[in-house]
């Protein structure tokens, strides 16, 4: 059992034997009475216990949120590293598929006619973008 010092002080202030010495007049033992009152109060639910539970839940939620945030940061970092490791043609292909809401796995699972059509569109996109890059480089020279 955890003893709340605030409760102890509040009880002692109102206690007739606040000096904690045995009173010859009323026969109070001081500490014994205080302990008895504390035991009676501990059997009743305290708002402090509810606060502690609430704080524990808040802490648990905060830890879970931090773990989720950490996983999200790692996923973004991994995707960025993957993009940085791609050639320009691979980045263009990735961006095209992403704009169509497809992944490489989904593209591979498409029927052959539909997949060939998308592959042709990707090739056309590659030609246009790479030609635009080449034109910009020639203009600089």
Protein backbone atom coordinates (compact mmCIF):
# COMPACT_ATOMS: atom_id res chain seq x y z
CA UNK A 1 0.00 0.00 0.00
CA UNK A 2 1.30 3.42 -0.92
CA UNK A 3 0.85 6.11 1.70
CA UNK A 4 0.00 9.53 0.36
CA UNK A 5 1.84 12.16 2.42
CA UNK A 6 -0.87 14.74 1.70
CA UNK A 7 -3.48 12.49 3.29
CA UNK A 8 -1.26 11.95 6.31
CA UNK A 9 -0.77 15.68 6.78
CA UNK A 10 -4.49 16.42 6.38
CA UNK A 11 -5.43 13.80 8.97
CA UNK A 12 -2.76 14.95 11.40
CA UNK A 13 -3.89 18.58 11.20
CA UNK A 14 -7.42 17.67 12.29
CA UNK A 15 -6.28 15.01 14.76
CA UNK A 16 -6.65 15.94 18.45
CA UNK A 17 -3.18 14.57 19.15
CA UNK A 18 -1.41 16.47 16.37
CA UNK A 19 1.87 16.44 18.25
CA UNK A 20 2.10 12.65 17.72
CA UNK A 21 2.65 12.23 21.47
CA UNK A 22 0.40 10.15 23.61
CA UNK A 23 -2.26 12.29 25.17
CA UNK A 24 -2.99 11.46 28.77
CA UNK A 25 -6.37 13.14 28.59
CA UNK A 26 -7.95 11.29 25.69
CA UNK A 27 -5.81 8.13 25.59
CA UNK A 28 -5.00 8.63 21.92
CA UNK A 29 -1.91 6.89 20.72
CA UNK A 30 -1.42 9.33 17.81
CA UNK A 31 0.15 7.03 15.28
CA UNK A 32 -2.31 4.20 15.92
CA UNK A 33 -5.29 6.43 15.27
CA UNK A 34 -3.65 7.86 12.21
CA UNK A 35 -2.89 4.38 10.89
CA UNK A 36 -6.46 3.25 11.49
CA UNK A 37 -7.84 6.22 9.56
CA UNK A 38 -5.42 5.57 6.71
CA UNK A 39 -6.49 1.92 6.54
CA UNK A 40 -10.16 2.90 6.41
CA UNK A 41 -9.50 5.40 3.64
CA UNK A 42 -7.40 2.94 1.64
CA UNK A 43 -10.38 0.60 1.35
CA UNK A 44 -12.25 3.35 -0.51
CA UNK A 45 -11.30 4.07 -4.14
CA UNK A 46 -9.19 7.17 -4.28
CA UNK A 47 -9.09 9.72 -7.09
CA UNK A 48 -5.29 9.48 -6.89
CA UNK A 49 -5.45 5.82 -7.97
CA UNK A 50 -7.64 6.77 -10.93
CA UNK A 51 -5.20 9.51 -11.88
CA UNK A 52 -2.31 7.06 -11.68
CA UNK A 53 -4.17 4.61 -13.93
CA UNK A 54 -4.98 7.41 -16.35
CA UNK A 55 -1.35 8.52 -16.34
CA UNK A 56 -0.21 4.95 -17.00
CA UNK A 57 -2.62 4.69 -19.95
CA UNK A 58 -1.43 8.05 -21.28
CA UNK A 59 2.19 6.89 -20.97
CA UNK A 60 1.35 3.62 -22.73
CA UNK A 61 -0.38 5.50 -25.54
CA UNK A 62 2.56 7.89 -25.83
CA UNK A 63 5.01 4.99 -26.09
CA UNK A 64 2.86 3.33 -28.76
CA UNK A 65 2.61 6.61 -30.69
CA UNK A 66 6.39 7.02 -30.55
CA UNK A 67 6.87 3.45 -31.80
CA UNK A 68 4.43 4.07 -34.66
CA UNK A 69 6.15 7.35 -35.52
CA UNK A 70 9.52 5.62 -35.48
CA UNK A 71 8.24 2.90 -37.85
CA UNK A 72 6.79 5.55 -40.17
CA UNK A 73 10.08 7.47 -40.21
CA UNK A 74 11.97 4.27 -41.00
CA UNK A 75 9.54 3.42 -43.82
CA UNK A 76 9.91 6.89 -45.35
CA UNK A 77 13.69 6.72 -44.98
CA UNK A 78 13.79 3.29 -46.63
CA UNK A 79 11.63 4.52 -49.52
CA UNK A 80 13.84 7.58 -49.96
CA UNK A 81 16.98 5.44 -50.00
CA UNK A 82 15.36 3.13 -52.55
CA UNK A 83 14.49 6.12 -54.76
CA UNK A 84 18.00 7.52 -54.46
CA UNK A 85 19.40 4.17 -55.55
CA UNK A 86 17.27 4.10 -58.72
CA UNK A 87 18.40 5.16 -62.15
CA UNK A 88 16.47 8.02 -63.79
CA UNK A 89 14.56 5.50 -65.92
CA UNK A 90 13.62 3.47 -62.83
CA UNK A 91 12.43 6.62 -61.05
CA UNK A 92 10.28 7.59 -64.05
CA UNK A 93 8.80 4.07 -64.16
CA UNK A 94 8.14 4.14 -60.40
CA UNK A 95 6.49 7.59 -60.62
CA UNK A 96 4.32 6.50 -63.56
CA UNK A 97 3.13 3.36 -61.81
CA UNK A 98 2.49 5.33 -58.63
CA UNK A 99 0.42 7.89 -60.56
CA UNK A 100 -1.72 5.02 -61.86
CA UNK A 101 -2.01 3.51 -58.36
CA UNK A 102 -0.05 0.39 -59.32
CA UNK A 103 2.93 -1.49 -57.94
CA UNK A 104 5.32 -3.70 -59.89
CA UNK A 105 3.58 -6.75 -58.39
CA UNK A 106 0.15 -5.52 -59.47
CA UNK A 107 1.47 -4.74 -62.96
CA UNK A 108 2.89 -8.25 -63.26
CA UNK A 109 -0.47 -9.72 -62.22
CA UNK A 110 -2.40 -7.90 -64.97
CA UNK A 111 -3.54 -9.71 -68.11
CA UNK A 112 -0.84 -9.64 -70.85
CA UNK A 113 -2.69 -7.21 -73.15
CA UNK A 114 -3.28 -4.67 -70.39
CA UNK A 115 0.28 -5.03 -69.07
CA UNK A 116 1.75 -4.50 -72.57
CA UNK A 117 -0.37 -1.36 -73.01
CA UNK A 118 0.92 0.08 -69.71
CA UNK A 119 4.51 -0.90 -70.54
CA UNK A 120 4.18 0.97 -73.88
CA UNK A 121 2.86 4.04 -72.03
CA UNK A 122 5.82 3.84 -69.64
CA UNK A 123 8.24 3.64 -72.60
CA UNK A 124 6.64 6.72 -74.15
CA UNK A 125 6.87 8.58 -70.82
CA UNK A 126 10.56 7.62 -70.57
CA UNK A 127 11.30 8.91 -74.06
CA UNK A 128 9.57 12.23 -73.40
CA UNK A 129 11.21 12.89 -70.04
CA UNK A 130 14.69 11.76 -71.03
CA UNK A 131 14.46 13.86 -74.23
CA UNK A 132 13.45 16.88 -72.14
CA UNK A 133 16.45 16.34 -69.86
CA UNK A 134 18.77 16.03 -72.86
CA UNK A 135 17.35 19.23 -74.36
CA UNK A 136 17.97 21.12 -71.11
CA UNK A 137 21.54 19.88 -70.95
CA UNK A 138 22.19 20.96 -74.56
CA UNK A 139 20.73 24.38 -73.81
CA UNK A 140 23.22 24.86 -70.97
CA UNK A 141 26.19 24.21 -73.24
